[in-house]
Amino acid sequence: MGLSHAKWRVLDKCHKARNLAEYEGHLDVNSQLLRELVSISKEIQALVKALAPIK
């Protein structure tokens, strides 16, 4: 997808935070991390929309 290592680290950190909330009940909302997640998600959405159709 061409995402930088830093963006993959943000996605990984968010995934780990989700797992903590889901499996251990520990929910700590970090507003900066959430903003980064939304931004990266929009970028990924644009990349997926730009893909050629599956034949």
N, C-alpha and C. Protein backbone atom coordinates (compact mmCIF):
# COMPACT_ATOMS: atom_id res chain seq x y z
N MET A 1 0.82 -1.20 0.00
CA MET A 1 0.00 0.00 0.00
C MET A 1 0.86 1.25 0.00
N GLY A 2 2.11 1.11 0.32
CA GLY A 2 3.00 2.26 0.29
C GLY A 2 2.95 3.14 1.53
N LEU A 3 2.37 2.65 2.62
CA LEU A 3 2.34 3.44 3.85
C LEU A 3 3.72 3.41 4.51
N SER A 4 4.04 4.49 5.18
CA SER A 4 5.32 4.56 5.87
C SER A 4 5.32 3.64 7.10
N HIS A 5 6.52 3.33 7.56
CA HIS A 5 6.65 2.50 8.77
C HIS A 5 5.97 3.17 9.96
N ALA A 6 6.07 4.49 10.03
CA ALA A 6 5.47 5.22 11.15
C ALA A 6 3.95 5.05 11.17
N LYS A 7 3.33 5.06 9.99
CA LYS A 7 1.88 4.88 9.93
C LYS A 7 1.48 3.46 10.31
N TRP A 8 2.28 2.48 9.91
CA TRP A 8 2.00 1.10 10.31
C TRP A 8 2.14 0.95 11.82
N ARG A 9 3.09 1.67 12.42
CA ARG A 9 3.25 1.61 13.88
C ARG A 9 2.03 2.20 14.58
N VAL A 10 1.48 3.28 14.02
CA VAL A 10 0.26 3.87 14.59
C VAL A 10 -0.89 2.85 14.52
N LEU A 11 -1.04 2.19 13.37
CA LEU A 11 -2.10 1.19 13.23
C LEU A 11 -1.90 0.04 14.20
N ASP A 12 -0.66 -0.38 14.39
CA ASP A 12 -0.36 -1.46 15.33
C ASP A 12 -0.68 -1.03 16.76
N LYS A 13 -0.32 0.19 17.10
CA LYS A 13 -0.60 0.69 18.46
C LYS A 13 -2.11 0.74 18.71
N CYS A 14 -2.86 1.17 17.69
CA CYS A 14 -4.32 1.22 17.82
C CYS A 14 -4.90 -0.19 17.98
N HIS A 15 -4.36 -1.13 17.24
CA HIS A 15 -4.82 -2.51 17.34
C HIS A 15 -4.56 -3.08 18.73
N LYS A 16 -3.39 -2.79 19.28
CA LYS A 16 -3.07 -3.25 20.63
C LYS A 16 -3.99 -2.60 21.66
N ALA A 17 -4.30 -1.31 21.48
CA ALA A 17 -5.19 -0.61 22.40
C ALA A 17 -6.60 -1.21 22.33
N ARG A 18 -7.03 -1.56 21.12
CA ARG A 18 -8.34 -2.18 20.96
C ARG A 18 -8.39 -3.53 21.67
N ASN A 19 -7.31 -4.30 21.52
CA ASN A 19 -7.26 -5.60 22.19
C ASN A 19 -7.31 -5.45 23.70
N LEU A 20 -6.60 -4.47 24.24
CA LEU A 20 -6.64 -4.23 25.69
C LEU A 20 -8.06 -3.90 26.14
N ALA A 21 -8.74 -3.07 25.37
CA ALA A 21 -10.11 -2.68 25.72
C ALA A 21 -11.04 -3.89 25.62
N GLU A 22 -10.90 -4.66 24.56
CA GLU A 22 -11.79 -5.79 24.32
C GLU A 22 -11.57 -6.94 25.28
N TYR A 23 -10.33 -7.32 25.50
CA TYR A 23 -10.05 -8.54 26.26
C TYR A 23 -9.73 -8.31 27.73
N GLU A 24 -9.29 -7.10 28.07
CA GLU A 24 -8.92 -6.86 29.46
C GLU A 24 -9.72 -5.72 30.10
N GLY A 25 -10.59 -5.10 29.32
CA GLY A 25 -11.43 -4.04 29.86
C GLY A 25 -10.70 -2.74 30.15
N HIS A 26 -9.49 -2.60 29.61
CA HIS A 26 -8.71 -1.39 29.86
C HIS A 26 -8.88 -0.44 28.68
N LEU A 27 -9.63 0.64 28.88
CA LEU A 27 -9.89 1.60 27.81
C LEU A 27 -9.27 2.94 28.18
N ASP A 28 -8.29 3.33 27.39
CA ASP A 28 -7.61 4.62 27.59
C ASP A 28 -7.63 5.33 26.24
N VAL A 29 -8.51 6.32 26.08
CA VAL A 29 -8.65 7.02 24.81
C VAL A 29 -7.60 8.12 24.74
N ASN A 30 -6.76 8.03 23.70
CA ASN A 30 -5.72 9.03 23.45
C ASN A 30 -6.19 9.83 22.24
N SER A 31 -6.55 11.09 22.44
CA SER A 31 -7.13 11.89 21.35
C SER A 31 -6.17 12.10 20.19
N GLN A 32 -4.89 12.24 20.46
CA GLN A 32 -3.91 12.41 19.38
C GLN A 32 -3.82 11.13 18.55
N LEU A 33 -3.77 9.99 19.21
CA LEU A 33 -3.71 8.71 18.50
C LEU A 33 -4.98 8.51 17.67
N LEU A 34 -6.11 8.89 18.21
CA LEU A 34 -7.38 8.77 17.49
C LEU A 34 -7.38 9.65 16.24
N ARG A 35 -6.87 10.88 16.34
CA ARG A 35 -6.78 11.76 15.17
C ARG A 35 -5.89 11.15 14.10
N GLU A 36 -4.77 10.57 14.52
CA GLU A 36 -3.86 9.93 13.57
C GLU A 36 -4.52 8.73 12.91
N LEU A 37 -5.26 7.95 13.69
CA LEU A 37 -5.96 6.79 13.14
C LEU A 37 -6.98 7.21 12.09
N VAL A 38 -7.75 8.24 12.36
CA VAL A 38 -8.74 8.72 11.40
C VAL A 38 -8.06 9.19 10.13
N SER A 39 -6.98 9.92 10.27
CA SER A 39 -6.25 10.42 9.11
C SER A 39 -5.70 9.28 8.25
N ILE A 40 -5.08 8.31 8.89
CA ILE A 40 -4.51 7.17 8.16
C ILE A 40 -5.62 6.35 7.53
N SER A 41 -6.74 6.20 8.23
CA SER A 41 -7.87 5.44 7.69
C SER A 41 -8.41 6.09 6.43
N LYS A 42 -8.49 7.41 6.42
CA LYS A 42 -8.94 8.12 5.22
C LYS A 42 -7.96 7.93 4.07
N GLU A 43 -6.67 7.93 4.39
CA GLU A 43 -5.65 7.70 3.37
C GLU A 43 -5.78 6.29 2.78
N ILE A 44 -5.98 5.30 3.64
CA ILE A 44 -6.15 3.93 3.18
C ILE A 44 -7.41 3.81 2.33
N GLN A 45 -8.47 4.46 2.74
CA GLN A 45 -9.71 4.43 1.97
C GLN A 45 -9.48 4.97 0.56
N ALA A 46 -8.76 6.07 0.44
CA ALA A 46 -8.47 6.65 -0.88
C ALA A 46 -7.61 5.70 -1.71
N LEU A 47 -6.65 5.03 -1.08
CA LEU A 47 -5.80 4.08 -1.80
C LEU A 47 -6.62 2.89 -2.32
N VAL A 48 -7.54 2.42 -1.50
CA VAL A 48 -8.38 1.28 -1.91
C VAL A 48 -9.31 1.70 -3.05
N LYS A 49 -9.88 2.88 -2.96
CA LYS A 49 -10.77 3.36 -4.02
C LYS A 49 -10.02 3.50 -5.35
N ALA A 50 -8.73 3.78 -5.29
CA ALA A 50 -7.94 3.98 -6.49
C ALA A 50 -7.48 2.67 -7.12
N LEU A 51 -7.71 1.54 -6.45
CA LEU A 51 -7.30 0.25 -7.00
C LEU A 51 -8.15 -0.10 -8.23
N ALA A 52 -7.54 -0.86 -9.11
CA ALA A 52 -8.26 -1.33 -10.29
C ALA A 52 -9.31 -2.35 -9.85
N PRO A 53 -10.38 -2.46 -10.61
CA PRO A 53 -11.42 -3.44 -10.27
C PRO A 53 -10.87 -4.86 -10.31
N ILE A 54 -11.43 -5.71 -9.49
CA ILE A 54 -11.07 -7.13 -9.47
C ILE A 54 -11.82 -7.82 -10.61
N LYS A 55 -11.08 -8.58 -11.37
CA LYS A 55 -11.73 -9.26 -12.53
C LYS A 55 -12.04 -10.67 -12.19
